[in-house]
Amino acid sequence: MRAELDNLETALGRCFENRELLLRALTHSSRVHESQAAELPDPSSDNEQMEFLGDAVLGFLVSESLVARFPSYPEGRLSKLKAHLVSAAHLCEVARRIELGQYLFLGRGEEMSGGRDKRTLLVNCLEALIAALYLDGGIEATRGFVNRWIFGDGDGEAFEQEILGAPIVDFKSALQELAQARKLPQPRYVIVKERGPEHSKTFTIEVRVGRDWIGQAEGLSKKSAAQNAAREVLSKLMEA
């Protein structure tokens, strides 16, 4: 088992000074309950308390990294990214990439019922491992793990699109949120031109954010023209 834990430590990026922390993070309560059937289980023997701590540490580090990566993003967009990164679906995917299931210490019942591939057990164990890293190596060791495994190599707009599954489509709302985050005046939209017959008009709309940020675009409806204009100014602001 020592050799197997060596492999896990390589994946985690840390050789534990206190390997008991690692063992506890891998120990499911079912294992403790079976070994202590005749007495009250010891809550310090399984990974449930460590899961609680790991969840909090993970939330902090994900928030910290998102703010550093996307300093211009408003709270709403950051919250969406964070919700994905700390979701059970994403954490389970990370746990399976690490092949965490093979290292779990389970009771016989959980073992027989396929516990090594259960999403809840894998997610809880991953959070417990984050706590173990924090307790053994401090915040820097944990930050390295989170950036490597929870975030991966993604960055910038492609990273956001990969996480949320699609680029922004409501550019008016995104522009409003960004203007608010940067303490700029709220966008103002003005129809500057209409052309074509009544049943097939083309609209030109101008949007201004203060005096410095101006965009103008066309659309077959006022709504689409406003979205196109907002997209133009949003792009300029995000590049500034």
Protein backbone atom coordinates (compact mmCIF):
# COMPACT_ATOMS: atom_id res chain seq x y z
CA MET A 1 0.00 0.00 0.00
CA ARG A 2 2.93 2.33 0.63
CA ALA A 3 3.95 2.20 -3.04
CA GLU A 4 0.37 3.02 -4.07
CA LEU A 5 0.31 6.02 -1.72
CA ASP A 6 3.60 7.16 -3.22
CA ASN A 7 1.84 7.28 -6.60
CA LEU A 8 -1.02 9.28 -5.10
CA GLU A 9 1.39 11.73 -3.48
CA THR A 10 3.00 12.26 -6.89
CA ALA A 11 -0.41 13.12 -8.36
CA LEU A 12 -1.14 15.44 -5.43
CA GLY A 13 2.23 17.12 -5.79
CA ARG A 14 3.27 16.57 -2.17
CA CYS A 15 5.07 13.99 -0.06
CA PHE A 16 3.23 14.18 3.24
CA GLU A 17 5.24 14.88 6.37
CA ASN A 18 2.33 13.47 8.39
CA ARG A 19 1.01 10.55 6.38
CA GLU A 20 -1.72 9.93 8.94
CA LEU A 21 -3.48 12.96 7.48
CA LEU A 22 -3.41 11.35 4.05
CA LEU A 23 -4.68 8.03 5.39
CA ARG A 24 -7.50 9.71 7.25
CA ALA A 25 -8.55 11.66 4.16
CA LEU A 26 -8.88 8.35 2.30
CA THR A 27 -10.88 6.60 5.03
CA HIS A 28 -14.65 6.47 4.58
CA SER A 29 -16.86 6.29 7.64
CA SER A 30 -18.07 2.81 6.63
CA ARG A 31 -14.58 1.45 7.27
CA VAL A 32 -14.50 2.97 10.76
CA HIS A 33 -18.02 1.80 11.63
CA GLU A 34 -17.21 -1.79 10.75
CA SER A 35 -13.96 -1.84 12.71
CA GLN A 36 -15.60 -0.24 15.74
CA ALA A 37 -18.97 -1.97 15.61
CA ALA A 38 -19.02 -2.65 19.34
CA GLU A 39 -18.35 0.96 20.36
CA LEU A 40 -19.14 4.52 19.31
CA PRO A 41 -17.23 5.53 16.17
CA ASP A 42 -14.42 8.01 16.62
CA PRO A 43 -15.17 11.07 14.42
CA SER A 44 -11.44 11.76 14.13
CA SER A 45 -10.86 8.42 12.39
CA ASP A 46 -12.67 9.03 9.08
CA ASN A 47 -12.66 11.83 6.53
CA GLU A 48 -15.99 13.55 7.30
CA GLN A 49 -14.56 16.42 9.36
CA MET A 50 -11.73 16.86 6.85
CA GLU A 51 -14.29 17.04 4.05
CA PHE A 52 -15.92 19.96 5.91
CA LEU A 53 -12.61 21.83 6.15
CA GLY A 54 -11.58 21.00 2.59
CA ASP A 55 -14.80 22.40 1.19
CA ALA A 56 -14.08 25.76 2.85
CA VAL A 57 -10.43 25.84 1.74
CA LEU A 58 -11.41 24.93 -1.82
CA GLY A 59 -14.02 27.71 -1.94
CA PHE A 60 -11.48 30.29 -0.81
CA LEU A 61 -8.76 29.22 -3.25
CA VAL A 62 -11.13 29.04 -6.22
CA SER A 63 -12.47 32.53 -5.41
CA GLU A 64 -8.95 33.88 -5.01
CA SER A 65 -7.78 32.43 -8.31
CA LEU A 66 -10.83 33.63 -10.25
CA VAL A 67 -10.36 37.20 -9.04
CA ALA A 68 -6.68 37.05 -10.02
CA ARG A 69 -7.41 35.56 -13.47
CA PHE A 70 -10.37 37.78 -14.32
CA PRO A 71 -9.93 41.12 -12.52
CA SER A 72 -12.49 42.89 -14.73
CA TYR A 73 -15.29 40.34 -14.27
CA PRO A 74 -18.35 41.33 -12.24
CA GLU A 75 -19.47 39.21 -9.31
CA GLY A 76 -22.20 37.46 -11.29
CA ARG A 77 -19.84 35.98 -13.86
CA LEU A 78 -17.29 35.02 -11.21
CA SER A 79 -20.03 33.26 -9.25
CA LYS A 80 -21.04 31.20 -12.30
CA LEU A 81 -17.46 30.10 -12.87
CA LYS A 82 -16.98 29.25 -9.20
CA ALA A 83 -20.25 27.29 -9.08
CA HIS A 84 -18.98 25.05 -11.86
CA LEU A 85 -15.48 24.59 -10.43
CA VAL A 86 -16.73 23.50 -6.99
CA SER A 87 -19.68 21.48 -8.32
CA ALA A 88 -19.95 17.78 -7.57
CA ALA A 89 -19.85 16.98 -11.30
CA HIS A 90 -16.54 18.79 -11.83
CA LEU A 91 -14.92 17.54 -8.62
CA CYS A 92 -15.93 13.98 -9.45
CA GLU A 93 -14.29 14.33 -12.86
CA VAL A 94 -11.10 15.54 -11.16
CA ALA A 95 -11.20 12.65 -8.66
CA ARG A 96 -11.51 10.15 -11.50
CA ARG A 97 -8.59 11.71 -13.38
CA ILE A 98 -6.49 11.22 -10.26
CA GLU A 99 -7.90 7.65 -10.03
CA LEU A 100 -8.84 8.39 -6.44
CA GLY A 101 -11.25 5.48 -6.14
CA GLN A 102 -8.48 2.89 -6.02
CA TYR A 103 -7.00 4.48 -2.88
CA LEU A 104 -10.17 4.63 -0.77
CA PHE A 105 -10.45 2.70 2.50
CA LEU A 106 -14.02 1.40 2.51
CA GLY A 107 -16.15 -0.86 4.63
CA ARG A 108 -17.15 -4.19 3.11
CA GLY A 109 -20.69 -2.99 2.38
CA GLU A 110 -19.51 0.06 0.44
CA GLU A 111 -16.90 -2.02 -1.34
CA MET A 112 -19.51 -4.54 -2.50
CA SER A 113 -21.92 -1.84 -3.66
CA GLY A 114 -19.40 -0.13 -5.94
CA GLY A 115 -18.32 2.60 -3.54
CA ARG A 116 -15.04 3.18 -5.35
CA ASP A 117 -16.93 4.76 -8.25
CA LYS A 118 -19.70 6.54 -6.35
CA ARG A 119 -19.73 10.26 -7.07
CA THR A 120 -20.51 11.31 -3.50
CA LEU A 121 -17.67 9.27 -2.03
CA LEU A 122 -15.18 10.50 -4.61
CA VAL A 123 -16.13 14.15 -4.15
CA ASN A 124 -16.05 13.91 -0.36
CA CYS A 125 -12.66 12.23 -0.46
CA LEU A 126 -11.26 14.86 -2.81
CA GLU A 127 -12.38 17.63 -0.45
CA ALA A 128 -10.85 15.73 2.48
CA LEU A 129 -7.57 15.46 0.54
CA ILE A 130 -7.59 19.23 0.03
CA ALA A 131 -7.90 19.60 3.82
CA ALA A 132 -5.05 17.12 4.32
CA LEU A 133 -2.84 19.10 1.95
CA TYR A 134 -3.69 22.29 3.81
CA LEU A 135 -3.00 20.82 7.25
CA ASP A 136 0.25 19.17 6.14
CA GLY A 137 1.72 21.72 3.75
CA GLY A 138 -0.14 24.97 4.27
CA ILE A 139 -1.95 27.18 1.81
CA GLU A 140 0.78 27.23 -0.86
CA ALA A 141 0.81 23.45 -1.28
CA THR A 142 -2.98 23.46 -1.49
CA ARG A 143 -3.03 26.35 -3.95
CA GLY A 144 -0.70 24.45 -6.26
CA PHE A 145 -2.99 21.43 -6.26
CA VAL A 146 -6.12 23.49 -6.87
CA ASN A 147 -4.55 25.40 -9.76
CA ARG A 148 -3.25 22.20 -11.35
CA TRP A 149 -6.26 19.92 -10.95
CA ILE A 150 -9.34 22.08 -10.34
CA PHE A 151 -8.50 24.79 -12.89
CA GLY A 152 -6.24 22.90 -15.27
CA ASP A 153 -4.46 24.85 -18.01
CA GLY A 154 -7.40 27.00 -19.13
CA ASP A 155 -7.23 30.78 -19.11
CA GLY A 156 -9.00 33.78 -20.57
CA GLU A 157 -12.15 33.70 -22.69
CA ALA A 158 -11.55 30.15 -23.93
CA PHE A 159 -11.43 29.00 -20.31
CA GLU A 160 -14.78 30.62 -19.57
CA GLN A 161 -16.39 29.18 -22.68
CA GLU A 162 -15.11 25.70 -21.83
CA ILE A 163 -16.58 25.93 -18.33
CA LEU A 164 -19.92 27.52 -19.14
CA GLY A 165 -20.33 25.71 -22.45
CA ALA A 166 -20.99 28.78 -24.59
CA PRO A 167 -19.83 32.34 -25.12
CA ILE A 168 -21.77 35.27 -23.74
CA VAL A 169 -24.95 35.94 -25.71
CA ASP A 170 -26.56 38.67 -23.56
CA PHE A 171 -24.03 41.39 -24.27
CA LYS A 172 -26.24 44.17 -22.89
CA SER A 173 -26.36 42.56 -19.45
CA ALA A 174 -22.64 41.74 -19.56
CA LEU A 175 -21.81 45.35 -20.48
CA GLN A 176 -24.01 46.69 -17.69
CA GLU A 177 -22.34 44.39 -15.14
CA LEU A 178 -18.85 45.32 -16.31
CA ALA A 179 -19.61 49.05 -16.25
CA GLN A 180 -20.93 48.69 -12.71
CA ALA A 181 -17.88 46.70 -11.61
CA ARG A 182 -15.56 49.39 -13.01
CA LYS A 183 -17.65 52.21 -11.50
CA LEU A 184 -18.48 53.63 -14.93
CA PRO A 185 -21.77 55.25 -15.96
CA GLN A 186 -24.47 52.83 -17.06
CA PRO A 187 -24.73 52.25 -20.84
CA ARG A 188 -27.06 54.53 -22.81
CA TYR A 189 -28.62 53.34 -26.08
CA VAL A 190 -29.82 55.64 -28.86
CA ILE A 191 -31.36 54.79 -32.24
CA VAL A 192 -29.32 56.81 -34.74
CA LYS A 193 -30.77 55.50 -38.01
CA GLU A 194 -33.61 53.45 -39.47
CA ARG A 195 -33.63 52.42 -43.10
CA GLY A 196 -35.63 50.17 -45.39
CA PRO A 197 -39.36 49.49 -45.81
CA GLU A 198 -41.60 49.21 -42.75
CA HIS A 199 -41.78 45.41 -42.96
CA SER A 200 -37.99 44.98 -43.34
CA LYS A 201 -36.18 47.73 -41.49
CA THR A 202 -32.54 47.85 -40.48
CA PHE A 203 -31.75 49.72 -37.28
CA THR A 204 -28.49 51.40 -36.26
CA ILE A 205 -28.03 51.84 -32.54
CA GLU A 206 -25.29 53.64 -30.68
CA VAL A 207 -24.30 52.79 -27.11
CA ARG A 208 -22.21 55.03 -24.86
CA VAL A 209 -20.56 54.25 -21.54
CA GLY A 210 -19.54 57.65 -20.26
CA ARG A 211 -17.67 59.85 -22.74
CA ASP A 212 -14.88 57.46 -23.67
CA TRP A 213 -16.58 54.23 -24.69
CA ILE A 214 -18.77 54.32 -27.78
CA GLY A 215 -20.06 51.61 -30.09
CA GLN A 216 -22.42 51.56 -33.04
CA ALA A 217 -23.95 48.59 -34.84
CA GLU A 218 -26.78 47.50 -37.11
CA GLY A 219 -29.45 44.86 -36.70
CA LEU A 220 -32.72 43.71 -38.23
CA SER A 221 -34.42 44.62 -34.94
CA LYS A 222 -33.75 47.20 -32.27
CA LYS A 223 -32.90 44.39 -29.85
CA SER A 224 -30.30 42.75 -32.09
CA ALA A 225 -28.76 46.11 -33.01
CA ALA A 226 -28.43 47.00 -29.31
CA GLN A 227 -26.83 43.62 -28.56
CA ASN A 228 -24.34 44.07 -31.41
CA ALA A 229 -23.44 47.57 -30.23
CA ALA A 230 -23.07 46.37 -26.64
CA ARG A 231 -20.80 43.57 -27.83
CA GLU A 232 -18.51 46.08 -29.55
CA VAL A 233 -18.11 48.25 -26.42
CA LEU A 234 -17.79 45.22 -24.17
CA SER A 235 -14.91 43.94 -26.28
CA LYS A 236 -13.15 47.31 -26.08
CA LEU A 237 -13.57 47.50 -22.31
CA MET A 238 -12.28 43.97 -21.73
CA GLU A 239 -9.18 44.69 -23.82
CA ALA A 240 -8.45 47.98 -22.05
